[in-house]
PDBML (XML) file of the C-alpha atoms, coordinates in Angstrom:
<?xml version="1.0" encoding="UTF-8" ?>
<PDBx:datablock datablockName="MODEL"
   xmlns:PDBx="http://pdbml.pdb.org/schema/pdbx-v50.xsd"
   xmlns:xsi="http://www.w3.org/2001/XMLSchema-instance"
   xsi:schemaLocation="http://pdbml.pdb.org/schema/pdbx-v50.xsd pdbx-v50.xsd">
   <PDBx:atom_siteCategory>
      <PDBx:atom_site id="1">
         <PDBx:B_iso_or_equiv>0.00</PDBx:B_iso_or_equiv>
         <PDBx:Cartn_x>9.276</PDBx:Cartn_x>
         <PDBx:Cartn_y>41.839</PDBx:Cartn_y>
         <PDBx:Cartn_z>-2.420</PDBx:Cartn_z>
         <PDBx:auth_asym_id>A</PDBx:auth_asym_id>
         <PDBx:auth_atom_id>CA</PDBx:auth_atom_id>
         <PDBx:auth_comp_id>UNK</PDBx:auth_comp_id>
         <PDBx:auth_seq_id>1</PDBx:auth_seq_id>
         <PDBx:group_PDB>ATOM</PDBx:group_PDB>
         <PDBx:label_alt_id xsi:nil="true" />
         <PDBx:label_asym_id>A</PDBx:label_asym_id>
         <PDBx:label_atom_id>CA</PDBx:label_atom_id>
         <PDBx:label_comp_id>UNK</PDBx:label_comp_id>
         <PDBx:label_entity_id>1</PDBx:label_entity_id>
         <PDBx:label_seq_id>1</PDBx:label_seq_id>
         <PDBx:occupancy>1.00</PDBx:occupancy>
         <PDBx:pdbx_PDB_model_num>1</PDBx:pdbx_PDB_model_num>
         <PDBx:type_symbol>C</PDBx:type_symbol>
      </PDBx:atom_site>
      <PDBx:atom_site id="2">
         <PDBx:B_iso_or_equiv>0.00</PDBx:B_iso_or_equiv>
         <PDBx:Cartn_x>8.785</PDBx:Cartn_x>
         <PDBx:Cartn_y>38.132</PDBx:Cartn_y>
         <PDBx:Cartn_z>-1.790</PDBx:Cartn_z>
         <PDBx:auth_asym_id>A</PDBx:auth_asym_id>
         <PDBx:auth_atom_id>CA</PDBx:auth_atom_id>
         <PDBx:auth_comp_id>UNK</PDBx:auth_comp_id>
         <PDBx:auth_seq_id>2</PDBx:auth_seq_id>
         <PDBx:group_PDB>ATOM</PDBx:group_PDB>
         <PDBx:label_alt_id xsi:nil="true" />
         <PDBx:label_asym_id>A</PDBx:label_asym_id>
         <PDBx:label_atom_id>CA</PDBx:label_atom_id>
         <PDBx:label_comp_id>UNK</PDBx:label_comp_id>
         <PDBx:label_entity_id>1</PDBx:label_entity_id>
         <PDBx:label_seq_id>2</PDBx:label_seq_id>
         <PDBx:occupancy>1.00</PDBx:occupancy>
         <PDBx:pdbx_PDB_model_num>1</PDBx:pdbx_PDB_model_num>
         <PDBx:type_symbol>C</PDBx:type_symbol>
      </PDBx:atom_site>
      <PDBx:atom_site id="3">
         <PDBx:B_iso_or_equiv>0.00</PDBx:B_iso_or_equiv>
         <PDBx:Cartn_x>10.626</PDBx:Cartn_x>
         <PDBx:Cartn_y>34.841</PDBx:Cartn_y>
         <PDBx:Cartn_z>-2.222</PDBx:Cartn_z>
         <PDBx:auth_asym_id>A</PDBx:auth_asym_id>
         <PDBx:auth_atom_id>CA</PDBx:auth_atom_id>
         <PDBx:auth_comp_id>UNK</PDBx:auth_comp_id>
         <PDBx:auth_seq_id>3</PDBx:auth_seq_id>
         <PDBx:group_PDB>ATOM</PDBx:group_PDB>
         <PDBx:label_alt_id xsi:nil="true" />
         <PDBx:label_asym_id>A</PDBx:label_asym_id>
         <PDBx:label_atom_id>CA</PDBx:label_atom_id>
         <PDBx:label_comp_id>UNK</PDBx:label_comp_id>
         <PDBx:label_entity_id>1</PDBx:label_entity_id>
         <PDBx:label_seq_id>3</PDBx:label_seq_id>
         <PDBx:occupancy>1.00</PDBx:occupancy>
         <PDBx:pdbx_PDB_model_num>1</PDBx:pdbx_PDB_model_num>
         <PDBx:type_symbol>C</PDBx:type_symbol>
      </PDBx:atom_site>
      <PDBx:atom_site id="4">
         <PDBx:B_iso_or_equiv>0.00</PDBx:B_iso_or_equiv>
         <PDBx:Cartn_x>9.327</PDBx:Cartn_x>
         <PDBx:Cartn_y>32.731</PDBx:Cartn_y>
         <PDBx:Cartn_z>-5.107</PDBx:Cartn_z>
         <PDBx:auth_asym_id>A</PDBx:auth_asym_id>
         <PDBx:auth_atom_id>CA</PDBx:auth_atom_id>
         <PDBx:auth_comp_id>UNK</PDBx:auth_comp_id>
         <PDBx:auth_seq_id>4</PDBx:auth_seq_id>
         <PDBx:group_PDB>ATOM</PDBx:group_PDB>
         <PDBx:label_alt_id xsi:nil="true" />
         <PDBx:label_asym_id>A</PDBx:label_asym_id>
         <PDBx:label_atom_id>CA</PDBx:label_atom_id>
         <PDBx:label_comp_id>UNK</PDBx:label_comp_id>
         <PDBx:label_entity_id>1</PDBx:label_entity_id>
         <PDBx:label_seq_id>4</PDBx:label_seq_id>
         <PDBx:occupancy>1.00</PDBx:occupancy>
         <PDBx:pdbx_PDB_model_num>1</PDBx:pdbx_PDB_model_num>
         <PDBx:type_symbol>C</PDBx:type_symbol>
      </PDBx:atom_site>
      <PDBx:atom_site id="5">
         <PDBx:B_iso_or_equiv>0.00</PDBx:B_iso_or_equiv>
         <PDBx:Cartn_x>9.695</PDBx:Cartn_x>
         <PDBx:Cartn_y>28.946</PDBx:Cartn_y>
         <PDBx:Cartn_z>-4.916</PDBx:Cartn_z>
         <PDBx:auth_asym_id>A</PDBx:auth_asym_id>
         <PDBx:auth_atom_id>CA</PDBx:auth_atom_id>
         <PDBx:auth_comp_id>UNK</PDBx:auth_comp_id>
         <PDBx:auth_seq_id>5</PDBx:auth_seq_id>
         <PDBx:group_PDB>ATOM</PDBx:group_PDB>
         <PDBx:label_alt_id xsi:nil="true" />
         <PDBx:label_asym_id>A</PDBx:label_asym_id>
         <PDBx:label_atom_id>CA</PDBx:label_atom_id>
         <PDBx:label_comp_id>UNK</PDBx:label_comp_id>
         <PDBx:label_entity_id>1</PDBx:label_entity_id>
         <PDBx:label_seq_id>5</PDBx:label_seq_id>
         <PDBx:occupancy>1.00</PDBx:occupancy>
         <PDBx:pdbx_PDB_model_num>1</PDBx:pdbx_PDB_model_num>
         <PDBx:type_symbol>C</PDBx:type_symbol>
      </PDBx:atom_site>
      <PDBx:atom_site id="6">
         <PDBx:B_iso_or_equiv>0.00</PDBx:B_iso_or_equiv>
         <PDBx:Cartn_x>10.028</PDBx:Cartn_x>
         <PDBx:Cartn_y>27.620</PDBx:Cartn_y>
         <PDBx:Cartn_z>-8.470</PDBx:Cartn_z>
         <PDBx:auth_asym_id>A</PDBx:auth_asym_id>
         <PDBx:auth_atom_id>CA</PDBx:auth_atom_id>
         <PDBx:auth_comp_id>UNK</PDBx:auth_comp_id>
         <PDBx:auth_seq_id>6</PDBx:auth_seq_id>
         <PDBx:group_PDB>ATOM</PDBx:group_PDB>
         <PDBx:label_alt_id xsi:nil="true" />
         <PDBx:label_asym_id>A</PDBx:label_asym_id>
         <PDBx:label_atom_id>CA</PDBx:label_atom_id>
         <PDBx:label_comp_id>UNK</PDBx:label_comp_id>
         <PDBx:label_entity_id>1</PDBx:label_entity_id>
         <PDBx:label_seq_id>6</PDBx:label_seq_id>
         <PDBx:occupancy>1.00</PDBx:occupancy>
         <PDBx:pdbx_PDB_model_num>1</PDBx:pdbx_PDB_model_num>
         <PDBx:type_symbol>C</PDBx:type_symbol>
      </PDBx:atom_site>
      <PDBx:atom_site id="7">
         <PDBx:B_iso_or_equiv>0.00</PDBx:B_iso_or_equiv>
         <PDBx:Cartn_x>9.096</PDBx:Cartn_x>
         <PDBx:Cartn_y>24.055</PDBx:Cartn_y>
         <PDBx:Cartn_z>-7.391</PDBx:Cartn_z>
         <PDBx:auth_asym_id>A</PDBx:auth_asym_id>
         <PDBx:auth_atom_id>CA</PDBx:auth_atom_id>
         <PDBx:auth_comp_id>UNK</PDBx:auth_comp_id>
         <PDBx:auth_seq_id>7</PDBx:auth_seq_id>
         <PDBx:group_PDB>ATOM</PDBx:group_PDB>
         <PDBx:label_alt_id xsi:nil="true" />
         <PDBx:label_asym_id>A</PDBx:label_asym_id>
         <PDBx:label_atom_id>CA</PDBx:label_atom_id>
         <PDBx:label_comp_id>UNK</PDBx:label_comp_id>
         <PDBx:label_entity_id>1</PDBx:label_entity_id>
         <PDBx:label_seq_id>7</PDBx:label_seq_id>
         <PDBx:occupancy>1.00</PDBx:occupancy>
         <PDBx:pdbx_PDB_model_num>1</PDBx:pdbx_PDB_model_num>
         <PDBx:type_symbol>C</PDBx:type_symbol>
      </PDBx:atom_site>
      <PDBx:atom_site id="8">
         <PDBx:B_iso_or_equiv>0.00</PDBx:B_iso_or_equiv>
         <PDBx:Cartn_x>11.598</PDBx:Cartn_x>
         <PDBx:Cartn_y>22.482</PDBx:Cartn_y>
         <PDBx:Cartn_z>-9.784</PDBx:Cartn_z>
         <PDBx:auth_asym_id>A</PDBx:auth_asym_id>
         <PDBx:auth_atom_id>CA</PDBx:auth_atom_id>
         <PDBx:auth_comp_id>UNK</PDBx:auth_comp_id>
         <PDBx:auth_seq_id>8</PDBx:auth_seq_id>
         <PDBx:group_PDB>ATOM</PDBx:group_PDB>
         <PDBx:label_alt_id xsi:nil="true" />
         <PDBx:label_asym_id>A</PDBx:label_asym_id>
         <PDBx:label_atom_id>CA</PDBx:label_atom_id>
         <PDBx:label_comp_id>UNK</PDBx:label_comp_id>
         <PDBx:label_entity_id>1</PDBx:label_entity_id>
         <PDBx:label_seq_id>8</PDBx:label_seq_id>
         <PDBx:occupancy>1.00</PDBx:occupancy>
         <PDBx:pdbx_PDB_model_num>1</PDBx:pdbx_PDB_model_num>
         <PDBx:type_symbol>C</PDBx:type_symbol>
      </PDBx:atom_site>
      <PDBx:atom_site id="9">
         <PDBx:B_iso_or_equiv>0.00</PDBx:B_iso_or_equiv>
         <PDBx:Cartn_x>13.442</PDBx:Cartn_x>
         <PDBx:Cartn_y>19.162</PDBx:Cartn_y>
         <PDBx:Cartn_z>-9.371</PDBx:Cartn_z>
         <PDBx:auth_asym_id>A</PDBx:auth_asym_id>
         <PDBx:auth_atom_id>CA</PDBx:auth_atom_id>
         <PDBx:auth_comp_id>UNK</PDBx:auth_comp_id>
         <PDBx:auth_seq_id>9</PDBx:auth_seq_id>
         <PDBx:group_PDB>ATOM</PDBx:group_PDB>
         <PDBx:label_alt_id xsi:nil="true" />
         <PDBx:label_asym_id>A</PDBx:label_asym_id>
         <PDBx:label_atom_id>CA</PDBx:label_atom_id>
         <PDBx:label_comp_id>UNK</PDBx:label_comp_id>
         <PDBx:label_entity_id>1</PDBx:label_entity_id>
         <PDBx:label_seq_id>9</PDBx:label_seq_id>
         <PDBx:occupancy>1.00</PDBx:occupancy>
         <PDBx:pdbx_PDB_model_num>1</PDBx:pdbx_PDB_model_num>
         <PDBx:type_symbol>C</PDBx:type_symbol>
      </PDBx:atom_site>
      <PDBx:atom_site id="10">
         <PDBx:B_iso_or_equiv>0.00</PDBx:B_iso_or_equiv>
         <PDBx:Cartn_x>16.817</PDBx:Cartn_x>
         <PDBx:Cartn_y>19.385</PDBx:Cartn_y>
         <PDBx:Cartn_z>-7.659</PDBx:Cartn_z>
         <PDBx:auth_asym_id>A</PDBx:auth_asym_id>
         <PDBx:auth_atom_id>CA</PDBx:auth_atom_id>
         <PDBx:auth_comp_id>UNK</PDBx:auth_comp_id>
         <PDBx:auth_seq_id>10</PDBx:auth_seq_id>
         <PDBx:group_PDB>ATOM</PDBx:group_PDB>
         <PDBx:label_alt_id xsi:nil="true" />
         <PDBx:label_asym_id>A</PDBx:label_asym_id>
         <PDBx:label_atom_id>CA</PDBx:label_atom_id>
         <PDBx:label_comp_id>UNK</PDBx:label_comp_id>
         <PDBx:label_entity_id>1</PDBx:label_entity_id>
         <PDBx:label_seq_id>10</PDBx:label_seq_id>
         <PDBx:occupancy>1.00</PDBx:occupancy>
         <PDBx:pdbx_PDB_model_num>1</PDBx:pdbx_PDB_model_num>
         <PDBx:type_symbol>C</PDBx:type_symbol>
      </PDBx:atom_site>
      <PDBx:atom_site id="11">
         <PDBx:B_iso_or_equiv>0.00</PDBx:B_iso_or_equiv>
         <PDBx:Cartn_x>19.779</PDBx:Cartn_x>
         <PDBx:Cartn_y>19.383</PDBx:Cartn_y>
         <PDBx:Cartn_z>-10.033</PDBx:Cartn_z>
         <PDBx:auth_asym_id>A</PDBx:auth_asym_id>
         <PDBx:auth_atom_id>CA</PDBx:auth_atom_id>
         <PDBx:auth_comp_id>UNK</PDBx:auth_comp_id>
         <PDBx:auth_seq_id>11</PDBx:auth_seq_id>
         <PDBx:group_PDB>ATOM</PDBx:group_PDB>
         <PDBx:label_alt_id xsi:nil="true" />
         <PDBx:label_asym_id>A</PDBx:label_asym_id>
         <PDBx:label_atom_id>CA</PDBx:label_atom_id>
         <PDBx:label_comp_id>UNK</PDBx:label_comp_id>
         <PDBx:label_entity_id>1</PDBx:label_entity_id>
         <PDBx:label_seq_id>11</PDBx:label_seq_id>
         <PDBx:occupancy>1.00</PDBx:occupancy>
         <PDBx:pdbx_PDB_model_num>1</PDBx:pdbx_PDB_model_num>
         <PDBx:type_symbol>C</PDBx:type_symbol>
      </PDBx:atom_site>
      <PDBx:atom_site id="12">
         <PDBx:B_iso_or_equiv>0.00</PDBx:B_iso_or_equiv>
         <PDBx:Cartn_x>21.617</PDBx:Cartn_x>
         <PDBx:Cartn_y>16.066</PDBx:Cartn_y>
         <PDBx:Cartn_z>-10.174</PDBx:Cartn_z>
         <PDBx:auth_asym_id>A</PDBx:auth_asym_id>
         <PDBx:auth_atom_id>CA</PDBx:auth_atom_id>
         <PDBx:auth_comp_id>UNK</PDBx:auth_comp_id>
         <PDBx:auth_seq_id>12</PDBx:auth_seq_id>
         <PDBx:group_PDB>ATOM</PDBx:group_PDB>
         <PDBx:label_alt_id xsi:nil="true" />
         <PDBx:label_asym_id>A</PDBx:label_asym_id>
         <PDBx:label_atom_id>CA</PDBx:label_atom_id>
         <PDBx:label_comp_id>UNK</PDBx:label_comp_id>
         <PDBx:label_entity_id>1</PDBx:label_entity_id>
         <PDBx:label_seq_id>12</PDBx:label_seq_id>
         <PDBx:occupancy>1.00</PDBx:occupancy>
         <PDBx:pdbx_PDB_model_num>1</PDBx:pdbx_PDB_model_num>
         <PDBx:type_symbol>C</PDBx:type_symbol>
      </PDBx:atom_site>
      <PDBx:atom_site id="13">
         <PDBx:B_iso_or_equiv>0.00</PDBx:B_iso_or_equiv>
         <PDBx:Cartn_x>25.112</PDBx:Cartn_x>
         <PDBx:Cartn_y>16.716</PDBx:Cartn_y>
         <PDBx:Cartn_z>-8.791</PDBx:Cartn_z>
         <PDBx:auth_asym_id>A</PDBx:auth_asym_id>
         <PDBx:auth_atom_id>CA</PDBx:auth_atom_id>
         <PDBx:auth_comp_id>UNK</PDBx:auth_comp_id>
         <PDBx:auth_seq_id>13</PDBx:auth_seq_id>
         <PDBx:group_PDB>ATOM</PDBx:group_PDB>
         <PDBx:label_alt_id xsi:nil="true" />
         <PDBx:label_asym_id>A</PDBx:label_asym_id>
         <PDBx:label_atom_id>CA</PDBx:label_atom_id>
         <PDBx:label_comp_id>UNK</PDBx:label_comp_id>
         <PDBx:label_entity_id>1</PDBx:label_entity_id>
         <PDBx:label_seq_id>13</PDBx:label_seq_id>
         <PDBx:occupancy>1.00</PDBx:occupancy>
         <PDBx:pdbx_PDB_model_num>1</PDBx:pdbx_PDB_model_num>
         <PDBx:type_symbol>C</PDBx:type_symbol>
      </PDBx:atom_site>
      <PDBx:atom_site id="14">
         <PDBx:B_iso_or_equiv>0.00</PDBx:B_iso_or_equiv>
         <PDBx:Cartn_x>26.706</PDBx:Cartn_x>
         <PDBx:Cartn_y>13.272</PDBx:Cartn_y>
         <PDBx:Cartn_z>-9.281</PDBx:Cartn_z>
         <PDBx:auth_asym_id>A</PDBx:auth_asym_id>
         <PDBx:auth_atom_id>CA</PDBx:auth_atom_id>
         <PDBx:auth_comp_id>UNK</PDBx:auth_comp_id>
         <PDBx:auth_seq_id>14</PDBx:auth_seq_id>
         <PDBx:group_PDB>ATOM</PDBx:group_PDB>
         <PDBx:label_alt_id xsi:nil="true" />
         <PDBx:label_asym_id>A</PDBx:label_asym_id>
         <PDBx:label_atom_id>CA</PDBx:label_atom_id>
         <PDBx:label_comp_id>UNK</PDBx:label_comp_id>
         <PDBx:label_entity_id>1</PDBx:label_entity_id>
         <PDBx:label_seq_id>14</PDBx:label_seq_id>
         <PDBx:occupancy>1.00</PDBx:occupancy>
         <PDBx:pdbx_PDB_model_num>1</PDBx:pdbx_PDB_model_num>
         <PDBx:type_symbol>C</PDBx:type_symbol>
      </PDBx:atom_site>
      <PDBx:atom_site id="15">
         <PDBx:B_iso_or_equiv>0.00</PDBx:B_iso_or_equiv>
         <PDBx:Cartn_x>26.900</PDBx:Cartn_x>
         <PDBx:Cartn_y>11.665</PDBx:Cartn_y>
         <PDBx:Cartn_z>-12.705</PDBx:Cartn_z>
         <PDBx:auth_asym_id>A</PDBx:auth_asym_id>
         <PDBx:auth_atom_id>CA</PDBx:auth_atom_id>
         <PDBx:auth_comp_id>UNK</PDBx:auth_comp_id>
         <PDBx:auth_seq_id>15</PDBx:auth_seq_id>
         <PDBx:group_PDB>ATOM</PDBx:group_PDB>
         <PDBx:label_alt_id xsi:nil="true" />
         <PDBx:label_asym_id>A</PDBx:label_asym_id>
         <PDBx:label_atom_id>CA</PDBx:label_atom_id>
         <PDBx:label_comp_id>UNK</PDBx:label_comp_id>
         <PDBx:label_entity_id>1</PDBx:label_entity_id>
         <PDBx:label_seq_id>15</PDBx:label_seq_id>
         <PDBx:occupancy>1.00</PDBx:occupancy>
         <PDBx:pdbx_PDB_model_num>1</PDBx:pdbx_PDB_model_num>
         <PDBx:type_symbol>C</PDBx:type_symbol>
      </PDBx:atom_site>
      <PDBx:atom_site id="16">
         <PDBx:B_iso_or_equiv>0.00</PDBx:B_iso_or_equiv>
         <PDBx:Cartn_x>28.330</PDBx:Cartn_x>
         <PDBx:Cartn_y>8.234</PDBx:Cartn_y>
         <PDBx:Cartn_z>-13.352</PDBx:Cartn_z>
         <PDBx:auth_asym_id>A</PDBx:auth_asym_id>
         <PDBx:auth_atom_id>CA</PDBx:auth_atom_id>
         <PDBx:auth_comp_id>UNK</PDBx:auth_comp_id>
         <PDBx:auth_seq_id>16</PDBx:auth_seq_id>
         <PDBx:group_PDB>ATOM</PDBx:group_PDB>
         <PDBx:label_alt_id xsi:nil="true" />
         <PDBx:label_asym_id>A</PDBx:label_asym_id>
         <PDBx:label_atom_id>CA</PDBx:label_atom_id>
         <PDBx:label_comp_id>UNK</PDBx:label_comp_id>
         <PDBx:label_entity_id>1</PDBx:label_entity_id>
         <PDBx:label_seq_id>16</PDBx:label_seq_id>
         <PDBx:occupancy>1.00</PDBx:occupancy>
         <PDBx:pdbx_PDB_model_num>1</PDBx:pdbx_PDB_model_num>
         <PDBx:type_symbol>C</PDBx:type_symbol>
      </PDBx:atom_site>
      <PDBx:atom_site id="17">
         <PDBx:B_iso_or_equiv>0.00</PDBx:B_iso_or_equiv>
         <PDBx:Cartn_x>29.569</PDBx:Cartn_x>
         <PDBx:Cartn_y>5.867</PDBx:Cartn_y>
         <PDBx:Cartn_z>-16.035</PDBx:Cartn_z>
         <PDBx:auth_asym_id>A</PDBx:auth_asym_id>
         <PDBx:auth_atom_id>CA</PDBx:auth_atom_id>
         <PDBx:auth_comp_id>UNK</PDBx:auth_comp_id>
         <PDBx:auth_seq_id>17</PDBx:auth_seq_id>
         <PDBx:group_PDB>ATOM</PDBx:group_PDB>
         <PDBx:label_alt_id xsi:nil="true" />
         <PDBx:label_asym_id>A</PDBx:label_asym_id>
         <PDBx:label_atom_id>CA</PDBx:label_atom_id>
         <PDBx:label_comp_id>UNK</PDBx:label_comp_id>
         <PDBx:label_entity_id>1</PDBx:label_entity_id>
         <PDBx:label_seq_id>17</PDBx:label_seq_id>
         <PDBx:occupancy>1.00</PDBx:occupancy>
         <PDBx:pdbx_PDB_model_num>1</PDBx:pdbx_PDB_model_num>
         <PDBx:type_symbol>C</PDBx:type_symbol>
      </PDBx:atom_site>
      <PDBx:atom_site id="18">
         <PDBx:B_iso_or_equiv>0.00</PDBx:B_iso_or_equiv>
         <PDBx:Cartn_x>29.982</PDBx:Cartn_x>
         <PDBx:Cartn_y>2.120</PDBx:Cartn_y>
         <PDBx:Cartn_z>-15.547</PDBx:Cartn_z>
         <PDBx:auth_asym_id>A</PDBx:auth_asym_id>
         <PDBx:auth_atom_id>CA</PDBx:auth_atom_id>
         <PDBx:auth_comp_id>UNK</PDBx:auth_comp_id>
         <PDBx:auth_seq_id>18</PDBx:auth_seq_id>
         <PDBx:group_PDB>ATOM</PDBx:group_PDB>
         <PDBx:label_alt_id xsi:nil="true" />
         <PDBx:label_asym_id>A</PDBx:label_asym_id>
         <PDBx:label_atom_id>CA</PDBx:label_atom_id>
         <PDBx:label_comp_id>UNK</PDBx:label_comp_id>
         <PDBx:label_entity_id>1</PDBx:label_entity_id>
         <PDBx:label_seq_id>18</PDBx:label_seq_id>
         <PDBx:occupancy>1.00</PDBx:occupancy>
         <PDBx:pdbx_PDB_model_num>1</PDBx:pdbx_PDB_model_num>
         <PDBx:type_symbol>C</PDBx:type_symbol>
      </PDBx:atom_site>
      <PDBx:atom_site id="19">
         <PDBx:B_iso_or_equiv>0.00</PDBx:B_iso_or_equiv>
         <PDBx:Cartn_x>32.043</PDBx:Cartn_x>
         <PDBx:Cartn_y>-0.330</PDBx:Cartn_y>
         <PDBx:Cartn_z>-17.596</PDBx:Cartn_z>
         <PDBx:auth_asym_id>A</PDBx:auth_asym_id>
         <PDBx:auth_atom_id>CA</PDBx:auth_atom_id>
         <PDBx:auth_comp_id>UNK</PDBx:auth_comp_id>
         <PDBx:auth_seq_id>19</PDBx:auth_seq_id>
         <PDBx:group_PDB>ATOM</PDBx:group_PDB>
         <PDBx:label_alt_id xsi:nil="true" />
         <PDBx:label_asym_id>A</PDBx:label_asym_id>
         <PDBx:label_atom_id>CA</PDBx:label_atom_id>
         <PDBx:label_comp_id>UNK</PDBx:label_comp_id>
         <PDBx:label_entity_id>1</PDBx:label_entity_id>
         <PDBx:label_seq_id>19</PDBx:label_seq_id>
         <PDBx:occupancy>1.00</PDBx:occupancy>
         <PDBx:pdbx_PDB_model_num>1</PDBx:pdbx_PDB_model_num>
         <PDBx:type_symbol>C</PDBx:type_symbol>
      </PDBx:atom_site>
      <PDBx:atom_site id="20">
         <PDBx:B_iso_or_equiv>0.00</PDBx:B_iso_or_equiv>
         <PDBx:Cartn_x>31.243</PDBx:Cartn_x>
         <PDBx:Cartn_y>-3.026</PDBx:Cartn_y>
         <PDBx:Cartn_z>-18.470</PDBx:Cartn_z>
         <PDBx:auth_asym_id>A</PDBx:auth_asym_id>
         <PDBx:auth_atom_id>CA</PDBx:auth_atom_id>
         <PDBx:auth_comp_id>UNK</PDBx:auth_comp_id>
         <PDBx:auth_seq_id>20</PDBx:auth_seq_id>
         <PDBx:group_PDB>ATOM</PDBx:group_PDB>
         <PDBx:label_alt_id xsi:nil="true" />
         <PDBx:label_asym_id>A</PDBx:label_asym_id>
         <PDBx:label_atom_id>CA</PDBx:label_atom_id>
         <PDBx:label_comp_id>UNK</PDBx:label_comp_id>
         <PDBx:label_entity_id>1</PDBx:label_entity_id>
         <PDBx:label_seq_id>20</PDBx:label_seq_id>
         <PDBx:occupancy>1.00</PDBx:occupancy>
         <PDBx:pdbx_PDB_model_num>1</PDBx:pdbx_PDB_model_num>
         <PDBx:type_symbol>C</PDBx:type_symbol>
      </PDBx:atom_site>
      <PDBx:atom_site id="21">
         <PDBx:B_iso_or_equiv>0.00</PDBx:B_iso_or_equiv>
         <PDBx:Cartn_x>27.454</PDBx:Cartn_x>
         <PDBx:Cartn_y>-3.173</PDBx:Cartn_y>
         <PDBx:Cartn_z>-18.424</PDBx:Cartn_z>
         <PDBx:auth_asym_id>A</PDBx:auth_asym_id>
         <PDBx:auth_atom_id>CA</PDBx:auth_atom_id>
         <PDBx:auth_comp_id>UNK</PDBx:auth_comp_id>
         <PDBx:auth_seq_id>21</PDBx:auth_seq_id>
         <PDBx:group_PDB>ATOM</PDBx:group_PDB>
         <PDBx:label_alt_id xsi:nil="true" />
         <PDBx:label_asym_id>A</PDBx:label_asym_id>
         <PDBx:label_atom_id>CA</PDBx:label_atom_id>
         <PDBx:label_comp_id>UNK</PDBx:label_comp_id>
         <PDBx:label_entity_id>1</PDBx:label_entity_id>
         <PDBx:label_seq_id>21</PDBx:label_seq_id>
         <PDBx:occupancy>1.00</PDBx:occupancy>
         <PDBx:pdbx_PDB_model_num>1</PDBx:pdbx_PDB_model_num>
         <PDBx:type_symbol>C</PDBx:type_symbol>
      </PDBx:atom_site>
      <PDBx:atom_site id="22">
         <PDBx:B_iso_or_equiv>0.00</PDBx:B_iso_or_equiv>
         <PDBx:Cartn_x>27.495</PDBx:Cartn_x>
         <PDBx:Cartn_y>-6.722</PDBx:Cartn_y>
         <PDBx:Cartn_z>-17.056</PDBx:Cartn_z>
         <PDBx:auth_asym_id>A</PDBx:auth_asym_id>
         <PDBx:auth_atom_id>CA</PDBx:auth_atom_id>
         <PDBx:auth_comp_id>UNK</PDBx:auth_comp_id>
         <PDBx:auth_seq_id>22</PDBx:auth_seq_id>
         <PDBx:group_PDB>ATOM</PDBx:group_PDB>
         <PDBx:label_alt_id xsi:nil="true" />
         <PDBx:label_asym_id>A</PDBx:label_asym_id>
         <PDBx:label_atom_id>CA</PDBx:label_atom_id>
         <PDBx:label_comp_id>UNK</PDBx:label_comp_id>
         <PDBx:label_entity_id>1</PDBx:label_entity_id>
         <PDBx:label_seq_id>22</PDBx:label_seq_id>
         <PDBx:occupancy>1.00</PDBx:occupancy>
         <PDBx:pdbx_PDB_model_num>1</PDBx:pdbx_PDB_model_num>
         <PDBx:type_symbol>C</PDBx:type_symbol>
      </PDBx:atom_site>
      <PDBx:atom_site id="23">
         <PDBx:B_iso_or_equiv>0.00</PDBx:B_iso_or_equiv>
         <PDBx:Cartn_x>29.835</PDBx:Cartn_x>
         <PDBx:Cartn_y>-8.740</PDBx:Cartn_y>
         <PDBx:Cartn_z>-14.851</PDBx:Cartn_z>
         <PDBx:auth_asym_id>A</PDBx:auth_asym_id>
         <PDBx:auth_atom_id>CA</PDBx:auth_atom_id>
         <PDBx:auth_comp_id>UNK</PDBx:auth_comp_id>
         <PDBx:auth_seq_id>23</PDBx:auth_seq_id>
         <PDBx:group_PDB>ATOM</PDBx:group_PDB>
         <PDBx:label_alt_id xsi:nil="true" />
         <PDBx:label_asym_id>A</PDBx:label_asym_id>
         <PDBx:label_atom_id>CA</PDBx:label_atom_id>
         <PDBx:label_comp_id>UNK</PDBx:label_comp_id>
         <PDBx:label_entity_id>1</PDBx:label_entity_id>
         <PDBx:label_seq_id>23</PDBx:label_seq_id>
         <PDBx:occupancy>1.00</PDBx:occupancy>
         <PDBx:pdbx_PDB_model_num>1</PDBx:pdbx_PDB_model_num>
         <PDBx:type_symbol>C</PDBx:type_symbol>
      </PDBx:atom_site>
      <PDBx:atom_site id="24">
         <PDBx:B_iso_or_equiv>0.00</PDBx:B_iso_or_equiv>
         <PDBx:Cartn_x>30.339</PDBx:Cartn_x>
         <PDBx:Cartn_y>-12.473</PDBx:Cartn_y>
         <PDBx:Cartn_z>-14.518</PDBx:Cartn_z>
         <PDBx:auth_asym_id>A</PDBx:auth_asym_id>
         <PDBx:auth_atom_id>CA</PDBx:auth_atom_id>
         <PDBx:auth_comp_id>UNK</PDBx:auth_comp_id>
         <PDBx:auth_seq_id>24</PDBx:auth_seq_id>
         <PDBx:group_PDB>ATOM</PDBx:group_PDB>
         <PDBx:label_alt_id xsi:nil="true" />
         <PDBx:label_asym_id>A</PDBx:label_asym_id>
         <PDBx:label_atom_id>CA</PDBx:label_atom_id>
         <PDBx:label_comp_id>UNK</PDBx:label_comp_id>
         <PDBx:label_entity_id>1</PDBx:label_entity_id>
         <PDBx:label_seq_id>24</PDBx:label_seq_id>
         <PDBx:occupancy>1.00</PDBx:occupancy>
         <PDBx:pdbx_PDB_model_num>1</PDBx:pdbx_PDB_model_num>
         <PDBx:type_symbol>C</PDBx:type_symbol>
      </PDBx:atom_site>
   </PDBx:atom_siteCategory>
</PDBx:datablock>
């Protein structure tokens, strides 16, 4: 038995939404 590294990108744990798209 051996450990297999899948070499995949880390899952994004924080997701955001911004309003509005632009500020004065």
